[in-house]
Amino acid sequence: MDLASCPARTHVRILAVDVPGAAGLRLRELGLRPGALVEVTHDVRAQGRVVAVGAERFAVDRPTCRRIDVALAA
């Protein structure tokens, strides 16, 4: 499943991030990397998702969300 398909208040573990170049590096700097636990805090429909990584929250656009593979956190 990808991050774009996750509803609000879902906790997921990132499995893979298929975003090349500087954008991929920036996502890793923000904590969106394989193994990270993330909470989807808001579903902003066509625009993407707001995610929480630890105490930080930020928006991720829908095309980028589709390139982040996740699994439901246990």
N, C-alpha and C. Protein backbone atom coordinates (compact mmCIF):
# COMPACT_ATOMS: atom_id res chain seq x y z
N MET A 1 0.86 -1.16 0.00
CA MET A 1 0.00 0.00 0.00
C MET A 1 0.91 1.22 0.00
N ASP A 2 0.41 2.31 -0.56
CA ASP A 2 1.21 3.54 -0.55
C ASP A 2 0.60 4.56 0.41
N LEU A 3 1.37 5.59 0.70
CA LEU A 3 0.95 6.59 1.69
C LEU A 3 -0.31 7.33 1.24
N ALA A 4 -0.52 7.47 -0.07
CA ALA A 4 -1.70 8.16 -0.57
C ALA A 4 -2.99 7.44 -0.24
N SER A 5 -2.93 6.14 0.01
CA SER A 5 -4.14 5.37 0.29
C SER A 5 -4.47 5.29 1.78
N CYS A 6 -3.68 5.91 2.63
CA CYS A 6 -3.88 5.85 4.08
C CYS A 6 -4.84 6.94 4.55
N PRO A 7 -5.86 6.57 5.30
CA PRO A 7 -6.75 7.59 5.87
C PRO A 7 -6.10 8.29 7.06
N ALA A 8 -6.72 9.37 7.50
CA ALA A 8 -6.23 10.10 8.67
C ALA A 8 -6.24 9.20 9.89
N ARG A 9 -5.32 9.49 10.82
CA ARG A 9 -5.16 8.77 12.08
C ARG A 9 -4.67 7.34 11.90
N THR A 10 -3.96 7.10 10.82
CA THR A 10 -3.38 5.79 10.56
C THR A 10 -1.91 5.83 10.92
N HIS A 11 -1.43 4.80 11.62
CA HIS A 11 -0.01 4.67 11.94
C HIS A 11 0.58 3.64 10.99
N VAL A 12 1.65 4.02 10.32
CA VAL A 12 2.27 3.13 9.34
C VAL A 12 3.79 3.10 9.53
N ARG A 13 4.40 2.05 9.00
CA ARG A 13 5.85 1.94 8.94
C ARG A 13 6.23 2.06 7.47
N ILE A 14 7.21 2.90 7.19
CA ILE A 14 7.65 3.09 5.81
C ILE A 14 8.50 1.89 5.39
N LEU A 15 8.16 1.34 4.23
CA LEU A 15 8.88 0.20 3.68
C LEU A 15 9.90 0.65 2.63
N ALA A 16 9.50 1.61 1.79
CA ALA A 16 10.39 2.08 0.72
C ALA A 16 9.97 3.47 0.29
N VAL A 17 10.97 4.27 -0.11
CA VAL A 17 10.72 5.61 -0.64
C VAL A 17 11.37 5.66 -2.01
N ASP A 18 10.56 5.75 -3.05
CA ASP A 18 11.06 5.75 -4.42
C ASP A 18 10.98 7.18 -4.99
N VAL A 19 11.71 8.07 -4.37
CA VAL A 19 11.76 9.47 -4.80
C VAL A 19 13.24 9.79 -5.07
N PRO A 20 13.59 10.06 -6.32
CA PRO A 20 15.00 10.28 -6.65
C PRO A 20 15.49 11.70 -6.34
N GLY A 21 16.78 11.83 -6.36
CA GLY A 21 17.43 13.13 -6.30
C GLY A 21 17.27 13.88 -5.00
N ALA A 22 17.27 15.21 -5.15
CA ALA A 22 17.23 16.10 -3.99
C ALA A 22 15.93 15.95 -3.19
N ALA A 23 14.83 15.68 -3.88
CA ALA A 23 13.56 15.52 -3.17
C ALA A 23 13.61 14.28 -2.26
N GLY A 24 14.19 13.19 -2.74
CA GLY A 24 14.33 11.99 -1.93
C GLY A 24 15.24 12.23 -0.74
N LEU A 25 16.32 12.96 -0.96
CA LEU A 25 17.24 13.30 0.13
C LEU A 25 16.51 14.12 1.19
N ARG A 26 15.72 15.10 0.75
CA ARG A 26 14.99 15.95 1.70
C ARG A 26 14.00 15.13 2.52
N LEU A 27 13.30 14.19 1.87
CA LEU A 27 12.37 13.34 2.61
C LEU A 27 13.10 12.53 3.68
N ARG A 28 14.26 11.99 3.34
CA ARG A 28 15.04 11.24 4.33
C ARG A 28 15.48 12.15 5.47
N GLU A 29 15.86 13.38 5.15
CA GLU A 29 16.25 14.34 6.20
C GLU A 29 15.09 14.63 7.15
N LEU A 30 13.87 14.63 6.60
CA LEU A 30 12.68 14.88 7.41
C LEU A 30 12.25 13.66 8.22
N GLY A 31 12.87 12.51 7.94
CA GLY A 31 12.55 11.31 8.69
C GLY A 31 11.70 10.30 7.94
N LEU A 32 11.38 10.59 6.69
CA LEU A 32 10.61 9.66 5.87
C LEU A 32 11.57 8.72 5.16
N ARG A 33 11.96 7.67 5.87
CA ARG A 33 12.90 6.69 5.33
C ARG A 33 12.46 5.30 5.78
N PRO A 34 12.90 4.26 5.08
CA PRO A 34 12.48 2.91 5.45
C PRO A 34 12.72 2.62 6.93
N GLY A 35 11.69 2.02 7.54
CA GLY A 35 11.74 1.68 8.95
C GLY A 35 11.10 2.71 9.87
N ALA A 36 10.89 3.91 9.38
CA ALA A 36 10.32 4.98 10.22
C ALA A 36 8.84 4.75 10.48
N LEU A 37 8.42 5.06 11.71
CA LEU A 37 7.00 5.05 12.06
C LEU A 37 6.43 6.43 11.82
N VAL A 38 5.31 6.47 11.13
CA VAL A 38 4.69 7.74 10.72
C VAL A 38 3.20 7.67 11.01
N GLU A 39 2.63 8.79 11.42
CA GLU A 39 1.18 8.89 11.57
C GLU A 39 0.64 9.83 10.51
N VAL A 40 -0.39 9.37 9.80
CA VAL A 40 -1.10 10.26 8.87
C VAL A 40 -2.08 11.04 9.73
N THR A 41 -1.86 12.35 9.86
CA THR A 41 -2.71 13.15 10.74
C THR A 41 -3.91 13.75 10.01
N HIS A 42 -3.74 14.07 8.73
CA HIS A 42 -4.82 14.65 7.94
C HIS A 42 -4.79 14.10 6.52
N ASP A 43 -5.97 13.83 6.00
CA ASP A 43 -6.14 13.44 4.60
C ASP A 43 -6.66 14.67 3.88
N VAL A 44 -5.84 15.29 3.05
CA VAL A 44 -6.27 16.49 2.35
C VAL A 44 -6.65 16.17 0.90
N ARG A 45 -7.29 15.03 0.76
CA ARG A 45 -7.86 14.53 -0.50
C ARG A 45 -6.87 14.60 -1.66
N ALA A 46 -7.20 15.36 -2.68
CA ALA A 46 -6.39 15.39 -3.90
C ALA A 46 -5.01 16.01 -3.70
N GLN A 47 -4.83 16.80 -2.64
CA GLN A 47 -3.53 17.43 -2.43
C GLN A 47 -2.50 16.49 -1.82
N GLY A 48 -2.89 15.54 -0.99
CA GLY A 48 -1.93 14.63 -0.37
C GLY A 48 -2.27 14.32 1.07
N ARG A 49 -1.24 14.28 1.92
CA ARG A 49 -1.41 13.94 3.33
C ARG A 49 -0.55 14.83 4.21
N VAL A 50 -1.01 15.04 5.43
CA VAL A 50 -0.17 15.66 6.46
C VAL A 50 0.28 14.50 7.34
N VAL A 51 1.58 14.40 7.54
CA VAL A 51 2.12 13.29 8.32
C VAL A 51 2.90 13.81 9.52
N ALA A 52 2.96 12.97 10.55
CA ALA A 52 3.74 13.29 11.74
C ALA A 52 4.86 12.27 11.85
N VAL A 53 6.06 12.78 12.02
CA VAL A 53 7.24 11.95 12.28
C VAL A 53 7.79 12.48 13.60
N GLY A 54 7.56 11.73 14.66
CA GLY A 54 7.90 12.25 15.98
C GLY A 54 7.03 13.45 16.29
N ALA A 55 7.63 14.55 16.70
CA ALA A 55 6.88 15.77 17.03
C ALA A 55 6.69 16.67 15.82
N GLU A 56 7.32 16.35 14.69
CA GLU A 56 7.24 17.18 13.49
C GLU A 56 6.06 16.79 12.63
N ARG A 57 5.42 17.78 12.00
CA ARG A 57 4.33 17.55 11.07
C ARG A 57 4.60 18.33 9.80
N PHE A 58 4.31 17.69 8.66
CA PHE A 58 4.49 18.38 7.39
C PHE A 58 3.61 17.73 6.34
N ALA A 59 3.36 18.49 5.27
CA ALA A 59 2.51 18.02 4.18
C ALA A 59 3.36 17.35 3.11
N VAL A 60 2.79 16.30 2.53
CA VAL A 60 3.43 15.59 1.42
C VAL A 60 2.41 15.55 0.29
N ASP A 61 2.82 16.01 -0.90
CA ASP A 61 1.87 16.05 -2.02
C ASP A 61 1.50 14.64 -2.49
N ARG A 62 0.37 14.54 -3.16
CA ARG A 62 -0.17 13.24 -3.57
C ARG A 62 0.78 12.44 -4.47
N PRO A 63 1.39 13.04 -5.50
CA PRO A 63 2.31 12.24 -6.32
C PRO A 63 3.47 11.65 -5.51
N THR A 64 3.97 12.39 -4.54
CA THR A 64 5.05 11.87 -3.69
C THR A 64 4.52 10.78 -2.77
N CYS A 65 3.32 10.96 -2.22
CA CYS A 65 2.72 9.93 -1.36
C CYS A 65 2.59 8.60 -2.10
N ARG A 66 2.29 8.66 -3.38
CA ARG A 66 2.15 7.43 -4.17
C ARG A 66 3.46 6.70 -4.33
N ARG A 67 4.58 7.38 -4.10
CA ARG A 67 5.90 6.76 -4.26
C ARG A 67 6.51 6.28 -2.94
N ILE A 68 5.69 6.36 -1.86
CA ILE A 68 6.15 5.92 -0.54
C ILE A 68 5.33 4.69 -0.15
N ASP A 69 5.98 3.52 -0.12
CA ASP A 69 5.31 2.29 0.25
C ASP A 69 5.32 2.13 1.76
N VAL A 70 4.15 1.75 2.31
CA VAL A 70 4.00 1.63 3.75
C VAL A 70 3.24 0.35 4.11
N ALA A 71 3.33 -0.02 5.37
CA ALA A 71 2.53 -1.12 5.93
C ALA A 71 1.95 -0.62 7.25
N LEU A 72 0.78 -1.10 7.60
CA LEU A 72 0.16 -0.71 8.86
C LEU A 72 1.08 -1.10 10.01
N ALA A 73 1.24 -0.19 10.95
CA ALA A 73 2.09 -0.45 12.12
C ALA A 73 1.31 -1.29 13.11
N ALA A 74 1.99 -2.22 13.73
CA ALA A 74 1.33 -3.10 14.71
C ALA A 74 1.22 -2.44 16.05
